[in-house]
Amino acid sequence: MGSKLFSELDIWAIENKITRLELSVICSNTIAKHLYEKNGFKVEGIKKNAMIIDGKYIDEFSMAKIYNS
């Protein structure tokens, strides 16, 4: 299901001349990170202590996908 969504997103981005998509995901969410990487997103950095969940600081990956025009 996730791959179909990203396929449609790619079509939309190309049709609308989008050159960059960004997202963030908490570092411990390896399943989501793998899905994003499988669909062309790359880690650009880590935001340390980006949020607090259940009273604990959580790091977050910044990811992006670049579309060549």
N, C-alpha and C. Protein backbone atom coordinates (compact mmCIF):
# COMPACT_ATOMS: atom_id res chain seq x y z
N MET A 1 0.82 -1.19 0.00
CA MET A 1 0.00 0.00 0.00
C MET A 1 0.86 1.26 0.00
N GLY A 2 1.91 1.30 0.81
CA GLY A 2 2.78 2.47 0.88
C GLY A 2 3.45 2.76 -0.44
N SER A 3 3.89 1.71 -1.14
CA SER A 3 4.58 1.90 -2.42
C SER A 3 3.65 2.50 -3.46
N LYS A 4 2.39 2.12 -3.46
CA LYS A 4 1.40 2.69 -4.40
C LYS A 4 1.24 4.18 -4.13
N LEU A 5 1.17 4.56 -2.87
CA LEU A 5 1.06 5.97 -2.51
C LEU A 5 2.25 6.75 -3.04
N PHE A 6 3.46 6.22 -2.85
CA PHE A 6 4.66 6.92 -3.31
C PHE A 6 4.72 6.97 -4.83
N SER A 7 4.21 5.95 -5.50
CA SER A 7 4.16 5.96 -6.96
C SER A 7 3.26 7.10 -7.45
N GLU A 8 2.10 7.24 -6.82
CA GLU A 8 1.19 8.33 -7.18
C GLU A 8 1.79 9.69 -6.82
N LEU A 9 2.51 9.75 -5.72
CA LEU A 9 3.17 10.99 -5.31
C LEU A 9 4.22 11.40 -6.34
N ASP A 10 4.98 10.43 -6.86
CA ASP A 10 5.98 10.72 -7.89
C ASP A 10 5.32 11.30 -9.14
N ILE A 11 4.23 10.71 -9.56
CA ILE A 11 3.51 11.21 -10.73
C ILE A 11 3.06 12.65 -10.49
N TRP A 12 2.45 12.89 -9.34
CA TRP A 12 1.98 14.24 -9.00
C TRP A 12 3.14 15.23 -8.98
N ALA A 13 4.25 14.85 -8.36
CA ALA A 13 5.39 15.76 -8.24
C ALA A 13 5.93 16.12 -9.63
N ILE A 14 6.08 15.14 -10.49
CA ILE A 14 6.60 15.39 -11.83
C ILE A 14 5.64 16.26 -12.64
N GLU A 15 4.36 15.93 -12.59
CA GLU A 15 3.35 16.72 -13.33
C GLU A 15 3.30 18.16 -12.85
N ASN A 16 3.60 18.40 -11.59
CA ASN A 16 3.52 19.74 -11.02
C ASN A 16 4.88 20.42 -10.88
N LYS A 17 5.87 19.84 -11.54
CA LYS A 17 7.23 20.40 -11.57
C LYS A 17 7.81 20.62 -10.18
N ILE A 18 7.48 19.70 -9.26
CA ILE A 18 8.06 19.72 -7.92
C ILE A 18 9.46 19.16 -8.03
N THR A 19 10.43 19.82 -7.44
CA THR A 19 11.81 19.33 -7.53
C THR A 19 12.33 18.73 -6.24
N ARG A 20 11.59 18.94 -5.14
CA ARG A 20 12.08 18.43 -3.85
C ARG A 20 10.90 18.15 -2.93
N LEU A 21 10.93 16.97 -2.31
CA LEU A 21 10.00 16.63 -1.25
C LEU A 21 10.80 16.34 0.00
N GLU A 22 10.30 16.76 1.15
CA GLU A 22 10.97 16.55 2.43
C GLU A 22 10.04 15.86 3.40
N LEU A 23 10.64 15.13 4.33
CA LEU A 23 9.88 14.53 5.43
C LEU A 23 10.82 14.32 6.60
N SER A 24 10.24 14.03 7.73
CA SER A 24 11.04 13.65 8.89
C SER A 24 10.40 12.44 9.54
N VAL A 25 11.25 11.65 10.19
CA VAL A 25 10.79 10.42 10.85
C VAL A 25 11.67 10.19 12.07
N ILE A 26 11.07 9.73 13.15
CA ILE A 26 11.89 9.49 14.34
C ILE A 26 12.88 8.35 14.05
N CYS A 27 14.07 8.48 14.57
CA CYS A 27 15.16 7.55 14.25
C CYS A 27 14.83 6.11 14.60
N SER A 28 14.03 5.88 15.61
CA SER A 28 13.71 4.50 16.01
C SER A 28 12.68 3.83 15.09
N ASN A 29 12.07 4.57 14.18
CA ASN A 29 11.05 4.01 13.30
C ASN A 29 11.73 3.45 12.04
N THR A 30 12.39 2.33 12.20
CA THR A 30 13.18 1.74 11.11
C THR A 30 12.30 1.24 9.95
N ILE A 31 11.10 0.81 10.24
CA ILE A 31 10.21 0.33 9.17
C ILE A 31 9.84 1.48 8.24
N ALA A 32 9.45 2.62 8.80
CA ALA A 32 9.11 3.78 7.98
C ALA A 32 10.34 4.29 7.22
N LYS A 33 11.48 4.35 7.90
CA LYS A 33 12.71 4.83 7.24
C LYS A 33 13.03 3.95 6.04
N HIS A 34 12.90 2.64 6.20
CA HIS A 34 13.16 1.71 5.10
C HIS A 34 12.20 1.96 3.93
N LEU A 35 10.92 2.17 4.23
CA LEU A 35 9.93 2.45 3.19
C LEU A 35 10.30 3.72 2.43
N TYR A 36 10.68 4.77 3.15
CA TYR A 36 11.05 6.02 2.51
C TYR A 36 12.29 5.85 1.64
N GLU A 37 13.29 5.13 2.15
CA GLU A 37 14.51 4.90 1.37
C GLU A 37 14.22 4.07 0.13
N LYS A 38 13.37 3.07 0.28
CA LYS A 38 12.97 2.23 -0.84
C LYS A 38 12.31 3.05 -1.94
N ASN A 39 11.72 4.17 -1.56
CA ASN A 39 11.01 5.02 -2.52
C ASN A 39 11.79 6.29 -2.87
N GLY A 40 13.09 6.25 -2.67
CA GLY A 40 13.96 7.31 -3.18
C GLY A 40 14.34 8.42 -2.23
N PHE A 41 13.87 8.39 -1.00
CA PHE A 41 14.26 9.42 -0.04
C PHE A 41 15.61 9.07 0.57
N LYS A 42 16.40 10.11 0.84
CA LYS A 42 17.72 9.92 1.45
C LYS A 42 17.81 10.75 2.74
N VAL A 43 18.50 10.20 3.72
CA VAL A 43 18.73 10.91 4.97
C VAL A 43 19.69 12.06 4.70
N GLU A 44 19.30 13.26 5.11
CA GLU A 44 20.15 14.44 4.95
C GLU A 44 20.75 14.89 6.28
N GLY A 45 20.18 14.42 7.37
CA GLY A 45 20.72 14.79 8.67
C GLY A 45 19.88 14.25 9.80
N ILE A 46 20.35 14.49 11.01
CA ILE A 46 19.64 14.07 12.21
C ILE A 46 19.40 15.29 13.08
N LYS A 47 18.16 15.49 13.48
CA LYS A 47 17.81 16.54 14.44
C LYS A 47 17.87 15.91 15.83
N LYS A 48 18.83 16.30 16.61
CA LYS A 48 18.98 15.78 17.97
C LYS A 48 17.91 16.39 18.87
N ASN A 49 17.35 15.57 19.74
CA ASN A 49 16.33 16.02 20.70
C ASN A 49 15.22 16.83 20.01
N ALA A 50 14.76 16.33 18.87
CA ALA A 50 13.77 17.04 18.06
C ALA A 50 12.41 17.15 18.72
N MET A 51 12.09 16.19 19.57
CA MET A 51 10.78 16.20 20.24
C MET A 51 10.87 15.39 21.53
N ILE A 52 9.83 15.51 22.30
CA ILE A 52 9.73 14.72 23.53
C ILE A 52 8.53 13.80 23.40
N ILE A 53 8.77 12.51 23.59
CA ILE A 53 7.69 11.52 23.58
C ILE A 53 7.79 10.73 24.88
N ASP A 54 6.69 10.68 25.59
CA ASP A 54 6.66 9.99 26.89
C ASP A 54 7.78 10.46 27.82
N GLY A 55 8.04 11.76 27.77
CA GLY A 55 9.03 12.35 28.66
C GLY A 55 10.48 12.12 28.27
N LYS A 56 10.72 11.55 27.08
CA LYS A 56 12.08 11.29 26.63
C LYS A 56 12.36 12.07 25.34
N TYR A 57 13.59 12.59 25.25
CA TYR A 57 14.00 13.27 24.02
C TYR A 57 14.19 12.25 22.91
N ILE A 58 13.71 12.59 21.73
CA ILE A 58 13.74 11.70 20.58
C ILE A 58 14.45 12.40 19.42
N ASP A 59 15.37 11.68 18.78
CA ASP A 59 16.04 12.20 17.59
C ASP A 59 15.19 11.89 16.35
N GLU A 60 15.41 12.68 15.31
CA GLU A 60 14.59 12.58 14.11
C GLU A 60 15.49 12.68 12.87
N PHE A 61 15.25 11.82 11.87
CA PHE A 61 15.93 11.92 10.60
C PHE A 61 15.24 12.97 9.74
N SER A 62 16.01 13.82 9.09
CA SER A 62 15.50 14.70 8.03
C SER A 62 15.80 13.97 6.72
N MET A 63 14.77 13.78 5.91
CA MET A 63 14.94 13.06 4.65
C MET A 63 14.36 13.88 3.51
N ALA A 64 14.89 13.66 2.32
CA ALA A 64 14.39 14.36 1.15
C ALA A 64 14.53 13.49 -0.10
N LYS A 65 13.70 13.80 -1.07
CA LYS A 65 13.79 13.17 -2.40
C LYS A 65 13.86 14.30 -3.41
N ILE A 66 14.87 14.23 -4.29
CA ILE A 66 15.09 15.25 -5.29
C ILE A 66 14.63 14.71 -6.64
N TYR A 67 13.84 15.51 -7.33
CA TYR A 67 13.41 15.17 -8.69
C TYR A 67 14.21 16.03 -9.66
N ASN A 68 14.87 15.39 -10.60
CA ASN A 68 15.62 16.14 -11.62
C ASN A 68 14.65 16.66 -12.66
N SER A 69 14.81 17.90 -13.00
CA SER A 69 13.89 18.50 -13.99
C SER A 69 14.33 18.25 -15.40
